[in-house]
Amino acid sequence: MRTSPQDVTVVALLADPDAPTEIAHRMARVLSTRLADKSPQERRFEVTVVSEPFTAGTEDPHTLMRRIKDRGSAEDWDIVVALTDLPLHSHGRRLVVDLSHEHGLALLSLPSLGGLRLQTRARRAVEEAVLALTGPKDSGAGERPRGERRPSPLAHRLTPVRPGGAGEEETADLRYVVGGPRGYLRVLAGMVRANRPWRLVPGLSKALAAALATGAVATVNSTVWSLAEALSTPRLVIAMVGSVALMIGWLIVDAELWHRSAEGSPEARQRARLYNTSTVLTVGIGVLVCYGGLLLINVVWALFILNDQVFASLTREPLDATDYWTLSWFVASTATVGGALGSGLESDEAIRAAAYSKREQERRQMAQDDRGDQRVT
């Protein structure tokens, strides 16, 4: 790295492909102006975005910081801020950002920012990291020992982030981690947000085709009419919960989405619980979106196809708005079970691509390959 002339600071946003790169590009449009406005030293900033998989093959913060350092050393950058959508851990704690004031480096784990207003939170975190790295350095007798807490804009955030010193052997000299139940939920929400569960809907085309076909046939079946007419609301709720749970369980088991840690340490088990909880929530949200779509489609189909005289002659009850809703609700549950069976026609790769971010797919594939190597040896 080098020191730029004329008070111009070159900031490189080194982003993992997919969502981090999208966030970095949107951020770069306004980042230089915002940094110049906030900098007390009247600096000018030049922001560049580089998209490359710097987390490939590892999720160890120390290794990643060394990679970022090596990458920055080969370029004319003053500061490198790396963005990843992988949840990072260090000594049993969930990492938010690693800072190296000596080398002008920052590593930001996007899931630790939560699932809401991610773009705004990421931009704010990058701004505060850059301002902390470009601040006046300690010198002489006033120099702080490595790992001691330094004043930083990050320190006064009203968030569950607390500063903690990095290890002596690490590139980072300051680390911010998140802890406690609130921090756990925040990282979990960020992981689900990174997986973008709404992509599960178009990613399960064969399962949706099976569900729609099941719903279309069930809607015109007189036996289904009679069953829906006889079911109470609690039973309809049980049918809905059961069908959704069946779909979630089938997808996780059939596509082998459940994470099994090869390590037996408490930290590894904690990570496995976090990954599996995010998997259940990701798939669950996707399935609920599918269920809601099926329900609406069934209502429209029922309004179009049902005849009140035929319905009344078979069920001995007049067809009213409640019957349309009850039938569509019951058929949506039945169709969801049909969709679960249809999901077996999807490839495991297609389901993983729909359920996980690109980085998470690579992480899980690497873990699966490691387990395969262990079984061979």
Protein backbone atom coordinates (compact mmCIF):
# COMPACT_ATOMS: atom_id res chain seq x y z
CA MET A 1 0.00 0.00 0.00
CA ARG A 2 1.04 3.60 -0.38
CA THR A 3 0.23 7.04 0.95
CA SER A 4 -1.68 9.03 -1.65
CA PRO A 5 -0.57 12.54 -2.51
CA GLN A 6 -2.62 15.70 -2.19
CA ASP A 7 -4.68 14.37 0.72
CA VAL A 8 -6.43 11.83 -1.51
CA THR A 9 -7.15 8.52 0.24
CA VAL A 10 -7.87 5.53 -1.99
CA VAL A 11 -10.37 3.17 -0.36
CA ALA A 12 -10.84 -0.28 -1.90
CA LEU A 13 -14.01 -2.22 -1.15
CA LEU A 14 -12.95 -5.85 -1.55
CA ALA A 15 -16.24 -7.75 -1.75
CA ASP A 16 -17.19 -11.38 -2.05
CA PRO A 17 -19.24 -12.10 -5.19
CA ASP A 18 -23.05 -11.91 -5.18
CA ALA A 19 -24.74 -9.87 -2.42
CA PRO A 20 -21.58 -8.25 -0.91
CA THR A 21 -20.57 -6.97 -4.35
CA GLU A 22 -24.04 -5.54 -4.94
CA ILE A 23 -23.92 -3.78 -1.58
CA ALA A 24 -20.42 -2.46 -2.28
CA HIS A 25 -21.40 -1.02 -5.67
CA ARG A 26 -24.44 0.76 -4.25
CA MET A 27 -22.36 2.04 -1.36
CA ALA A 28 -19.58 3.33 -3.60
CA ARG A 29 -21.90 5.83 -5.30
CA VAL A 30 -22.07 8.02 -2.20
CA LEU A 31 -19.22 6.81 0.01
CA SER A 32 -16.50 9.19 -1.15
CA THR A 33 -18.70 12.25 -0.59
CA ARG A 34 -19.92 11.09 2.81
CA LEU A 35 -16.38 10.25 3.97
CA ALA A 36 -15.11 13.67 2.86
CA ASP A 37 -17.94 15.39 4.74
CA LYS A 38 -17.24 13.43 7.93
CA SER A 39 -13.44 13.51 7.86
CA PRO A 40 -12.06 16.12 10.31
CA GLN A 41 -8.84 16.40 8.27
CA GLU A 42 -10.49 17.66 5.07
CA ARG A 43 -9.38 14.60 3.15
CA ARG A 44 -10.59 13.61 -0.28
CA PHE A 45 -11.52 9.99 -0.89
CA GLU A 46 -11.49 7.82 -3.97
CA VAL A 47 -13.51 4.61 -3.72
CA THR A 48 -13.02 1.55 -5.90
CA VAL A 49 -14.89 -1.77 -5.80
CA VAL A 50 -13.16 -5.11 -6.39
CA SER A 51 -15.22 -8.29 -6.52
CA GLU A 52 -13.37 -11.52 -5.83
CA PRO A 53 -13.88 -14.59 -3.59
CA PHE A 54 -11.30 -13.73 -0.95
CA THR A 55 -13.00 -16.06 1.59
CA ALA A 56 -12.68 -19.15 -0.64
CA GLY A 57 -11.58 -22.16 1.38
CA THR A 58 -11.56 -20.56 4.83
CA GLU A 59 -13.61 -18.63 7.35
CA ASP A 60 -10.77 -17.97 9.80
CA PRO A 61 -10.50 -14.20 10.50
CA HIS A 62 -6.71 -14.32 10.91
CA THR A 63 -6.25 -16.05 7.55
CA LEU A 64 -8.66 -13.66 5.86
CA MET A 65 -6.86 -10.60 7.26
CA ARG A 66 -3.56 -11.91 5.91
CA ARG A 67 -5.17 -12.44 2.51
CA ILE A 68 -6.55 -8.90 2.54
CA LYS A 69 -3.12 -7.57 3.54
CA ASP A 70 -1.40 -9.44 0.70
CA ARG A 71 -4.04 -8.30 -1.78
CA GLY A 72 -3.71 -4.67 -0.73
CA SER A 73 0.09 -4.78 -0.86
CA ALA A 74 -0.09 -5.48 -4.60
CA GLU A 75 -2.24 -2.42 -5.34
CA ASP A 76 -2.11 1.36 -4.91
CA TRP A 77 -4.66 1.38 -2.11
CA ASP A 78 -4.46 3.25 1.16
CA ILE A 79 -7.27 1.38 2.90
CA VAL A 80 -8.90 -1.97 2.16
CA VAL A 81 -12.34 -2.77 3.57
CA ALA A 82 -13.36 -6.37 2.88
CA LEU A 83 -17.03 -7.38 2.87
CA THR A 84 -18.28 -10.94 3.22
CA ASP A 85 -21.68 -12.51 3.79
CA LEU A 86 -20.20 -15.37 5.80
CA PRO A 87 -20.70 -15.30 9.59
CA LEU A 88 -17.26 -15.17 11.15
CA HIS A 89 -16.27 -16.41 14.61
CA SER A 90 -13.25 -15.89 16.80
CA HIS A 91 -12.64 -17.62 20.13
CA GLY A 92 -16.32 -18.52 20.46
CA ARG A 93 -17.58 -15.00 19.74
CA ARG A 94 -19.31 -13.68 16.62
CA LEU A 95 -17.17 -11.15 14.81
CA VAL A 96 -18.50 -7.86 13.46
CA VAL A 97 -15.34 -6.18 12.20
CA ASP A 98 -11.58 -6.64 12.44
CA LEU A 99 -9.40 -3.53 12.16
CA SER A 100 -5.69 -3.21 11.46
CA HIS A 101 -4.62 0.40 11.98
CA GLU A 102 -1.03 -0.46 11.09
CA HIS A 103 -1.90 -1.83 7.65
CA GLY A 104 -5.12 0.09 6.94
CA LEU A 105 -7.34 -3.00 6.78
CA ALA A 106 -10.89 -3.81 7.85
CA LEU A 107 -12.85 -7.05 7.59
CA LEU A 108 -16.63 -6.71 7.92
CA SER A 109 -18.99 -9.66 8.38
CA LEU A 110 -22.33 -8.52 6.93
CA PRO A 111 -24.56 -11.02 8.82
CA SER A 112 -23.50 -9.43 12.11
CA LEU A 113 -25.28 -6.23 11.03
CA GLY A 114 -28.70 -7.91 11.20
CA GLY A 115 -31.40 -8.55 8.65
CA LEU A 116 -33.03 -5.11 8.40
CA ARG A 117 -31.72 -1.98 6.64
CA LEU A 118 -28.60 -3.91 5.66
CA GLN A 119 -27.47 -1.43 3.02
CA THR A 120 -27.65 1.50 5.43
CA ARG A 121 -25.98 -0.37 8.28
CA ALA A 122 -23.22 -1.68 6.01
CA ARG A 123 -22.51 1.81 4.65
CA ARG A 124 -22.40 3.25 8.17
CA ALA A 125 -20.07 0.49 9.39
CA VAL A 126 -17.72 1.01 6.43
CA GLU A 127 -17.72 4.77 6.99
CA GLU A 128 -16.86 4.36 10.66
CA ALA A 129 -14.15 1.79 9.89
CA VAL A 130 -12.52 4.04 7.29
CA LEU A 131 -12.66 7.06 9.59
CA ALA A 132 -11.11 5.00 12.39
CA LEU A 133 -8.30 3.83 10.09
CA THR A 134 -7.58 7.31 8.71
CA GLY A 135 -7.57 8.96 12.14
CA PRO A 136 -4.37 10.29 13.73
CA LYS A 137 -1.99 7.53 14.74
CA ASP A 138 -0.44 7.37 18.19
CA SER A 139 3.29 7.94 18.36
CA GLY A 140 6.10 8.15 20.88
CA ALA A 141 5.32 7.69 24.55
CA GLY A 142 1.61 8.00 23.88
CA GLU A 143 1.52 4.94 21.67
CA ARG A 144 -0.92 2.30 22.79
CA PRO A 145 0.15 -1.32 23.11
CA ARG A 146 -1.07 -3.68 20.44
CA GLY A 147 -4.57 -4.94 21.19
CA GLU A 148 -5.49 -2.09 23.55
CA ARG A 149 -8.78 -0.42 22.77
CA ARG A 150 -8.57 2.72 20.69
CA PRO A 151 -11.18 5.43 20.43
CA SER A 152 -13.31 4.71 17.38
CA PRO A 153 -16.62 5.84 15.91
CA LEU A 154 -17.68 2.22 16.19
CA ALA A 155 -17.38 2.32 19.97
CA HIS A 156 -20.32 4.66 20.57
CA ARG A 157 -22.85 2.83 18.40
CA LEU A 158 -26.08 2.02 20.23
CA THR A 159 -25.86 -1.62 19.15
CA PRO A 160 -24.84 -4.84 20.90
CA VAL A 161 -21.23 -4.48 19.67
CA ARG A 162 -18.40 -4.37 22.11
CA PRO A 163 -14.67 -3.85 21.32
CA GLY A 164 -12.28 -6.61 22.26
CA GLY A 165 -8.54 -6.85 21.66
CA ALA A 166 -7.25 -9.20 18.98
CA GLY A 167 -4.58 -11.79 19.69
CA GLU A 168 -0.91 -10.83 19.59
CA GLU A 169 -0.22 -13.11 16.62
CA GLU A 170 -2.97 -11.66 14.46
CA THR A 171 -2.87 -8.97 11.79
CA ALA A 172 -5.81 -7.14 13.37
CA ASP A 173 -5.10 -4.85 16.31
CA LEU A 174 -8.73 -4.24 17.24
CA ARG A 175 -11.77 -6.46 17.02
CA TYR A 176 -15.45 -5.78 17.50
CA VAL A 177 -17.63 -8.74 18.41
CA VAL A 178 -21.28 -9.22 19.19
CA GLY A 179 -22.55 -11.31 22.06
CA GLY A 180 -25.56 -12.19 24.16
CA PRO A 181 -29.03 -13.28 23.06
CA ARG A 182 -29.64 -10.06 21.17
CA GLY A 183 -26.37 -10.45 19.31
CA TYR A 184 -27.18 -14.07 18.47
CA LEU A 185 -30.54 -13.08 17.02
CA ARG A 186 -28.92 -10.26 15.11
CA VAL A 187 -26.38 -12.56 13.44
CA LEU A 188 -29.08 -15.14 12.78
CA ALA A 189 -31.28 -12.56 11.08
CA GLY A 190 -28.30 -11.43 9.02
CA MET A 191 -27.57 -14.99 7.90
CA VAL A 192 -31.17 -15.52 6.83
CA ARG A 193 -31.10 -12.17 5.01
CA ALA A 194 -27.87 -13.15 3.24
CA ASN A 195 -29.48 -16.40 2.07
CA ARG A 196 -32.38 -14.40 0.57
CA PRO A 197 -35.11 -16.99 1.27
CA TRP A 198 -37.51 -15.51 -1.27
CA ARG A 199 -35.30 -17.02 -3.99
CA LEU A 200 -36.51 -20.43 -2.89
CA VAL A 201 -39.82 -19.87 -4.70
CA PRO A 202 -38.52 -19.71 -8.30
CA GLY A 203 -35.74 -22.15 -7.41
CA LEU A 204 -38.21 -25.00 -6.77
CA SER A 205 -39.93 -25.08 -10.14
CA LYS A 206 -40.71 -28.80 -10.15
CA ALA A 207 -42.05 -28.73 -6.58
CA LEU A 208 -44.27 -25.74 -7.41
CA ALA A 209 -45.52 -27.47 -10.57
CA ALA A 210 -46.47 -30.52 -8.51
CA ALA A 211 -48.18 -28.34 -5.89
CA LEU A 212 -50.17 -26.38 -8.48
CA ALA A 213 -51.25 -29.57 -10.21
CA THR A 214 -52.32 -31.10 -6.89
CA GLY A 215 -54.26 -27.96 -5.99
CA ALA A 216 -56.00 -27.75 -9.35
CA VAL A 217 -57.20 -31.36 -9.17
CA ALA A 218 -58.19 -31.17 -5.49
CA THR A 219 -60.29 -28.04 -6.03
CA VAL A 220 -62.67 -29.85 -8.40
CA ASN A 221 -62.89 -33.02 -6.28
CA SER A 222 -66.23 -33.39 -4.52
CA THR A 223 -64.69 -35.47 -1.72
CA VAL A 224 -62.33 -32.60 -0.95
CA TRP A 225 -65.37 -30.28 -0.87
CA SER A 226 -67.02 -32.45 1.76
CA LEU A 227 -63.84 -32.74 3.82
CA ALA A 228 -63.22 -28.99 3.75
CA GLU A 229 -66.84 -28.34 4.74
CA ALA A 230 -66.52 -30.68 7.71
CA LEU A 231 -63.16 -29.41 9.01
CA SER A 232 -63.07 -26.92 11.88
CA THR A 233 -60.66 -24.01 12.03
CA PRO A 234 -58.28 -25.74 14.51
CA ARG A 235 -58.02 -28.74 12.20
CA LEU A 236 -57.32 -26.48 9.22
CA VAL A 237 -54.55 -24.81 11.22
CA ILE A 238 -53.10 -28.22 12.13
CA ALA A 239 -53.24 -29.27 8.47
CA MET A 240 -51.44 -26.08 7.45
CA VAL A 241 -48.71 -26.40 10.11
CA GLY A 242 -48.24 -30.08 9.37
CA SER A 243 -47.94 -29.60 5.62
CA VAL A 244 -45.49 -26.71 5.98
CA ALA A 245 -43.40 -28.65 8.51
CA LEU A 246 -43.40 -31.68 6.21
CA MET A 247 -42.21 -29.56 3.30
CA ILE A 248 -39.45 -27.94 5.37
CA GLY A 249 -38.26 -31.26 6.77
CA TRP A 250 -38.35 -32.98 3.40
CA LEU A 251 -36.29 -30.25 1.71
CA ILE A 252 -33.68 -30.24 4.48
CA VAL A 253 -33.34 -34.03 4.58
CA ASP A 254 -33.60 -34.72 0.86
CA ALA A 255 -31.08 -32.03 -0.15
CA GLU A 256 -28.82 -32.74 2.84
CA LEU A 257 -29.01 -29.17 4.11
CA TRP A 258 -28.41 -30.13 7.75
CA HIS A 259 -24.95 -29.10 8.90
CA ARG A 260 -22.89 -31.70 10.76
CA SER A 261 -19.69 -30.46 12.30
CA ALA A 262 -16.64 -32.67 11.97
CA GLU A 263 -15.22 -31.11 15.14
CA GLY A 264 -16.38 -31.89 18.65
CA SER A 265 -15.45 -28.60 20.30
CA PRO A 266 -18.13 -26.44 21.96
CA GLU A 267 -17.37 -23.64 19.48
CA ALA A 268 -17.92 -25.97 16.53
CA ARG A 269 -21.22 -27.18 17.99
CA GLN A 270 -22.28 -23.59 18.57
CA ARG A 271 -21.54 -22.75 14.93
CA ALA A 272 -23.44 -25.83 13.78
CA ARG A 273 -26.52 -24.79 15.78
CA LEU A 274 -26.33 -21.32 14.25
CA TYR A 275 -26.02 -22.67 10.72
CA ASN A 276 -28.86 -25.18 11.18
CA THR A 277 -31.16 -22.59 12.74
CA SER A 278 -30.54 -20.27 9.81
CA THR A 279 -31.27 -23.17 7.44
CA VAL A 280 -34.61 -23.93 9.08
CA LEU A 281 -35.60 -20.25 9.04
CA THR A 282 -34.46 -19.75 5.45
CA VAL A 283 -36.33 -22.78 4.15
CA GLY A 284 -39.29 -22.03 6.42
CA ILE A 285 -39.70 -18.50 5.08
CA GLY A 286 -39.42 -19.76 1.53
CA VAL A 287 -42.02 -22.47 2.11
CA LEU A 288 -44.40 -20.00 3.78
CA VAL A 289 -44.09 -17.70 0.77
CA CYS A 290 -44.91 -20.67 -1.47
CA TYR A 291 -47.85 -21.57 0.76
CA GLY A 292 -49.22 -18.04 0.61
CA GLY A 293 -48.90 -18.02 -3.18
CA LEU A 294 -50.68 -21.37 -3.44
CA LEU A 295 -53.48 -20.10 -1.21
CA LEU A 296 -54.09 -17.06 -3.39
CA ILE A 297 -53.96 -19.10 -6.60
CA ASN A 298 -56.41 -21.62 -5.15
CA VAL A 299 -58.83 -18.85 -4.19
CA VAL A 300 -58.77 -17.46 -7.73
CA TRP A 301 -59.13 -20.94 -9.22
CA ALA A 302 -62.03 -21.78 -6.92
CA LEU A 303 -63.83 -18.53 -7.79
CA PHE A 304 -63.46 -19.36 -11.45
CA ILE A 305 -64.28 -23.09 -11.48
CA LEU A 306 -66.82 -23.78 -8.72
CA ASN A 307 -70.52 -23.85 -9.47
CA ASP A 308 -72.80 -23.03 -6.55
CA GLN A 309 -75.60 -25.39 -7.64
CA VAL A 310 -73.28 -28.38 -8.09
CA PHE A 311 -71.54 -27.62 -4.80
CA ALA A 312 -74.86 -27.34 -2.94
CA SER A 313 -76.20 -30.58 -4.43
CA LEU A 314 -73.16 -32.54 -3.25
CA THR A 315 -72.52 -30.94 0.14
CA ARG A 316 -76.10 -29.94 0.98
CA GLU A 317 -74.73 -26.51 1.93
CA PRO A 318 -74.98 -23.28 -0.09
CA LEU A 319 -71.70 -21.99 -1.51
CA ASP A 320 -70.63 -18.75 0.17
CA ALA A 321 -67.44 -16.75 0.75
CA THR A 322 -66.50 -18.83 3.79
CA ASP A 323 -66.64 -22.01 1.71
CA TYR A 324 -64.34 -20.52 -0.93
CA TRP A 325 -61.82 -19.60 1.77
CA THR A 326 -62.07 -22.89 3.68
CA LEU A 327 -61.72 -24.98 0.53
CA SER A 328 -58.76 -22.95 -0.75
CA TRP A 329 -57.06 -23.16 2.65
CA PHE A 330 -57.45 -26.93 2.85
CA VAL A 331 -56.37 -27.40 -0.76
CA ALA A 332 -53.26 -25.25 -0.17
CA SER A 333 -52.23 -27.63 2.63
CA THR A 334 -52.87 -30.65 0.41
CA ALA A 335 -50.97 -29.05 -2.47
CA THR A 336 -48.01 -28.29 -0.18
CA VAL A 337 -47.70 -32.00 0.58
CA GLY A 338 -47.78 -32.66 -3.17
CA GLY A 339 -45.06 -30.04 -3.57
CA ALA A 340 -42.93 -31.82 -0.98
CA LEU A 341 -43.12 -34.97 -3.05
CA GLY A 342 -42.39 -33.01 -6.21
CA SER A 343 -39.29 -31.47 -4.65
CA GLY A 344 -37.72 -34.91 -4.87
CA LEU A 345 -37.42 -34.28 -8.61
CA GLU A 346 -35.20 -31.27 -7.97
CA SER A 347 -31.44 -31.77 -7.88
CA ASP A 348 -29.71 -31.18 -4.55
CA GLU A 349 -27.60 -28.49 -6.21
CA ALA A 350 -30.70 -26.60 -7.37
CA ILE A 351 -32.19 -26.63 -3.87
CA ARG A 352 -28.93 -25.48 -2.29
CA ALA A 353 -28.60 -22.71 -4.88
CA ALA A 354 -32.13 -21.55 -4.04
CA ALA A 355 -31.67 -21.77 -0.28
CA TYR A 356 -28.17 -20.36 0.28
CA SER A 357 -25.97 -17.46 -0.72
CA LYS A 358 -23.01 -18.17 -2.98
CA ARG A 359 -20.48 -18.01 -0.13
CA GLU A 360 -22.62 -20.27 2.07
CA GLN A 361 -22.91 -22.81 -0.75
CA GLU A 362 -19.14 -22.91 -1.12
CA ARG A 363 -18.63 -23.20 2.64
CA ARG A 364 -21.01 -26.13 2.90
CA GLN A 365 -19.52 -27.82 -0.16
CA MET A 366 -16.06 -27.50 1.38
CA ALA A 367 -17.31 -29.01 4.66
CA GLN A 368 -18.96 -31.87 2.76
CA ASP A 369 -15.74 -32.53 0.82
CA ASP A 370 -13.77 -32.59 4.09
CA ARG A 371 -16.14 -35.19 5.55
CA GLY A 372 -15.76 -37.26 2.39
CA ASP A 373 -11.98 -37.14 2.63
CA GLN A 374 -12.14 -38.22 6.27
CA ARG A 375 -14.30 -41.23 5.37
CA VAL A 376 -11.86 -42.24 2.60
CA THR A 377 -8.86 -42.05 4.90
